[in-house]
Amino acid sequence: MRTNCSQVVVENFFEPGMLYLLLKKPSYGYEIQKALKESCICEVNIGNLYRCLSRMQKQGYVTRESIKGTIGPKRYSYTITKEGKTYLSSWIESLKKQKKVISSLINNYQKIV
């Protein structure tokens, strides 16, 4: 039984956040992680972030380009695809519906407490 709900989040919420950031500009994984924390108020483990990017690449929502720097290992830049934009749009519509449900619960709760 769950006793603390403070850690409960919408499952995979960082996924539309990542796509939103890639809609703004192509980015590297660590840049995406930092921007998620700053602009979407969402923290994600870097391993989970890269697994999600890999899955979305396989699904055709993002592309990955290898970029060799002057020092250090290769880095990969991610870009959202046309399919990814459509998928993000679907996420946004679903989140709008969830927002209504959540807002309704909160409003009804506040009326009785």
C-alpha atoms as a PDB file:
ATOM      1  CA  MET A   1       0.000   0.000   0.000  1.00  0.00           C
ATOM      2  CA  ARG A   2       1.331   3.391  -0.978  1.00  0.00           C
ATOM      3  CA  THR A   3       1.684   5.759   1.981  1.00  0.00           C
ATOM      4  CA  ASN A   4       3.431   8.704   0.315  1.00  0.00           C
ATOM      5  CA  CYS A   5       2.061  10.101  -2.939  1.00  0.00           C
ATOM      6  CA  SER A   6       4.611  12.901  -3.306  1.00  0.00           C
ATOM      7  CA  GLN A   7       6.695  10.814  -5.719  1.00  0.00           C
ATOM      8  CA  VAL A   8       3.784   9.752  -7.914  1.00  0.00           C
ATOM      9  CA  VAL A   9       4.070  11.246 -11.401  1.00  0.00           C
ATOM     10  CA  VAL A  10       2.392  10.734 -14.709  1.00  0.00           C
ATOM     11  CA  GLU A  11       4.095   7.678 -16.157  1.00  0.00           C
ATOM     12  CA  ASN A  12       6.662   8.597 -18.804  1.00  0.00           C
ATOM     13  CA  PHE A  13       5.849  12.308 -18.495  1.00  0.00           C
ATOM     14  CA  PHE A  14       9.417  13.163 -19.443  1.00  0.00           C
ATOM     15  CA  GLU A  15       8.801  11.671 -22.912  1.00  0.00           C
ATOM     16  CA  PRO A  16       6.607  14.518 -24.208  1.00  0.00           C
ATOM     17  CA  GLY A  17       8.934  16.923 -22.408  1.00  0.00           C
ATOM     18  CA  MET A  18      11.879  15.539 -24.380  1.00  0.00           C
ATOM     19  CA  LEU A  19       9.973  15.763 -27.656  1.00  0.00           C
ATOM     20  CA  TYR A  20       8.942  19.341 -26.846  1.00  0.00           C
ATOM     21  CA  LEU A  21      12.577  20.299 -26.237  1.00  0.00           C
ATOM     22  CA  LEU A  22      13.652  18.610 -29.478  1.00  0.00           C
ATOM     23  CA  LEU A  23      10.887  20.510 -31.282  1.00  0.00           C
ATOM     24  CA  LYS A  24      12.637  23.690 -30.156  1.00  0.00           C
ATOM     25  CA  LYS A  25      16.109  22.508 -31.262  1.00  0.00           C
ATOM     26  CA  PRO A  26      18.213  19.372 -31.745  1.00  0.00           C
ATOM     27  CA  SER A  27      20.093  18.467 -28.566  1.00  0.00           C
ATOM     28  CA  TYR A  28      22.450  16.045 -26.828  1.00  0.00           C
ATOM     29  CA  GLY A  29      21.224  13.760 -24.065  1.00  0.00           C
ATOM     30  CA  TYR A  30      22.777  15.694 -21.201  1.00  0.00           C
ATOM     31  CA  GLU A  31      21.427  18.962 -22.625  1.00  0.00           C
ATOM     32  CA  ILE A  32      17.956  17.413 -22.714  1.00  0.00           C
ATOM     33  CA  GLN A  33      18.290  16.223 -19.115  1.00  0.00           C
ATOM     34  CA  LYS A  34      19.342  19.691 -17.952  1.00  0.00           C
ATOM     35  CA  ALA A  35      16.606  21.448 -19.948  1.00  0.00           C
ATOM     36  CA  LEU A  36      13.940  19.046 -18.624  1.00  0.00           C
ATOM     37  CA  LYS A  37      14.869  19.996 -15.106  1.00  0.00           C
ATOM     38  CA  GLU A  38      14.957  23.727 -15.903  1.00  0.00           C
ATOM     39  CA  SER A  39      11.968  24.206 -18.207  1.00  0.00           C
ATOM     40  CA  CYS A  40       9.622  21.311 -17.565  1.00  0.00           C
ATOM     41  CA  ILE A  41      10.268  20.857 -13.852  1.00  0.00           C
ATOM     42  CA  CYS A  42      10.864  17.175 -14.452  1.00  0.00           C
ATOM     43  CA  GLU A  43      13.906  15.208 -13.358  1.00  0.00           C
ATOM     44  CA  VAL A  44      14.876  12.029 -15.126  1.00  0.00           C
ATOM     45  CA  ASN A  45      17.728   9.602 -14.587  1.00  0.00           C
ATOM     46  CA  ILE A  46      20.193   9.850 -17.490  1.00  0.00           C
ATOM     47  CA  GLY A  47      19.980   6.079 -18.095  1.00  0.00           C
ATOM     48  CA  ASN A  48      16.193   6.247 -18.410  1.00  0.00           C
ATOM     49  CA  LEU A  49      16.537   9.272 -20.681  1.00  0.00           C
ATOM     50  CA  TYR A  50      18.870   7.443 -23.084  1.00  0.00           C
ATOM     51  CA  ARG A  51      16.676   4.303 -23.045  1.00  0.00           C
ATOM     52  CA  CYS A  52      13.689   6.466 -23.942  1.00  0.00           C
ATOM     53  CA  LEU A  53      15.634   8.215 -26.727  1.00  0.00           C
ATOM     54  CA  SER A  54      16.701   4.826 -28.094  1.00  0.00           C
ATOM     55  CA  ARG A  55      13.121   3.534 -28.034  1.00  0.00           C
ATOM     56  CA  MET A  56      11.802   6.689 -29.696  1.00  0.00           C
ATOM     57  CA  GLN A  57      14.521   6.393 -32.337  1.00  0.00           C
ATOM     58  CA  LYS A  58      13.433   2.814 -33.099  1.00  0.00           C
ATOM     59  CA  GLN A  59       9.818   4.029 -33.329  1.00  0.00           C
ATOM     60  CA  GLY A  60      10.826   6.775 -35.770  1.00  0.00           C
ATOM     61  CA  TYR A  61      10.031   9.721 -33.483  1.00  0.00           C
ATOM     62  CA  VAL A  62      13.617  10.989 -33.279  1.00  0.00           C
ATOM     63  CA  THR A  63      16.791  10.639 -35.291  1.00  0.00           C
ATOM     64  CA  ARG A  64      20.310  10.425 -33.920  1.00  0.00           C
ATOM     65  CA  GLU A  65      23.412  11.908 -35.526  1.00  0.00           C
ATOM     66  CA  SER A  66      26.919  11.018 -34.396  1.00  0.00           C
ATOM     67  CA  ILE A  67      29.149  14.061 -33.919  1.00  0.00           C
ATOM     68  CA  LYS A  68      32.859  13.621 -33.258  1.00  0.00           C
ATOM     69  CA  GLY A  69      34.300  16.341 -31.061  1.00  0.00           C
ATOM     70  CA  THR A  70      37.920  17.439 -30.986  1.00  0.00           C
ATOM     71  CA  ILE A  71      38.367  15.724 -27.630  1.00  0.00           C
ATOM     72  CA  GLY A  72      36.515  12.953 -25.884  1.00  0.00           C
ATOM     73  CA  PRO A  73      34.168  10.298 -27.231  1.00  0.00           C
ATOM     74  CA  LYS A  74      31.561  10.678 -29.952  1.00  0.00           C
ATOM     75  CA  ARG A  75      28.438  12.542 -28.973  1.00  0.00           C
ATOM     76  CA  TYR A  76      24.978  12.047 -30.385  1.00  0.00           C
ATOM     77  CA  SER A  77      22.599  14.830 -31.302  1.00  0.00           C
ATOM     78  CA  TYR A  78      18.888  14.030 -31.390  1.00  0.00           C
ATOM     79  CA  THR A  79      16.286  15.631 -33.667  1.00  0.00           C
ATOM     80  CA  ILE A  80      12.503  15.202 -33.678  1.00  0.00           C
ATOM     81  CA  THR A  81      10.989  13.742 -36.871  1.00  0.00           C
ATOM     82  CA  LYS A  82       7.659  14.439 -38.568  1.00  0.00           C
ATOM     83  CA  GLU A  83       6.300  11.301 -36.889  1.00  0.00           C
ATOM     84  CA  GLY A  84       7.649  12.560 -33.574  1.00  0.00           C
ATOM     85  CA  LYS A  85       5.793  15.845 -34.010  1.00  0.00           C
ATOM     86  CA  THR A  86       2.560  13.934 -34.621  1.00  0.00           C
ATOM     87  CA  TYR A  87       3.240  11.753 -31.580  1.00  0.00           C
ATOM     88  CA  LEU A  88       3.926  14.848 -29.435  1.00  0.00           C
ATOM     89  CA  SER A  89       0.643  16.366 -30.598  1.00  0.00           C
ATOM     90  CA  SER A  90      -1.135  13.187 -29.458  1.00  0.00           C
ATOM     91  CA  TRP A  91       0.615  13.388 -26.078  1.00  0.00           C
ATOM     92  CA  ILE A  92      -0.507  17.008 -25.658  1.00  0.00           C
ATOM     93  CA  GLU A  93      -4.132  16.117 -26.394  1.00  0.00           C
ATOM     94  CA  SER A  94      -3.995  13.282 -23.857  1.00  0.00           C
ATOM     95  CA  LEU A  95      -2.430  15.563 -21.249  1.00  0.00           C
ATOM     96  CA  LYS A  96      -5.171  18.146 -21.807  1.00  0.00           C
ATOM     97  CA  LYS A  97      -7.783  15.483 -21.038  1.00  0.00           C
ATOM     98  CA  GLN A  98      -5.869  14.353 -17.941  1.00  0.00           C
ATOM     99  CA  LYS A  99      -5.588  17.961 -16.789  1.00  0.00           C
ATOM    100  CA  LYS A 100      -9.389  18.240 -16.840  1.00  0.00           C
ATOM    101  CA  VAL A 101      -9.786  15.054 -14.799  1.00  0.00           C
ATOM    102  CA  ILE A 102      -7.141  16.077 -12.262  1.00  0.00           C
ATOM    103  CA  SER A 103      -8.504  19.618 -11.965  1.00  0.00           C
ATOM    104  CA  SER A 104     -11.996  18.267 -11.398  1.00  0.00           C
ATOM    105  CA  LEU A 105     -10.821  16.002  -8.570  1.00  0.00           C
ATOM    106  CA  ILE A 106      -8.870  18.829  -6.932  1.00  0.00           C
ATOM    107  CA  ASN A 107     -11.782  21.265  -7.210  1.00  0.00           C
ATOM    108  CA  ASN A 108     -14.300  18.754  -5.840  1.00  0.00           C
ATOM    109  CA  TYR A 109     -11.975  17.857  -2.977  1.00  0.00           C
ATOM    110  CA  GLN A 110     -11.446  21.510  -2.057  1.00  0.00           C
ATOM    111  CA  LYS A 111     -15.219  22.048  -1.875  1.00  0.00           C
ATOM    112  CA  ILE A 112     -15.593  19.520   0.934  1.00  0.00           C
ATOM    113  CA  VAL A 113     -12.509  20.185   3.061  1.00  0.00           C
END
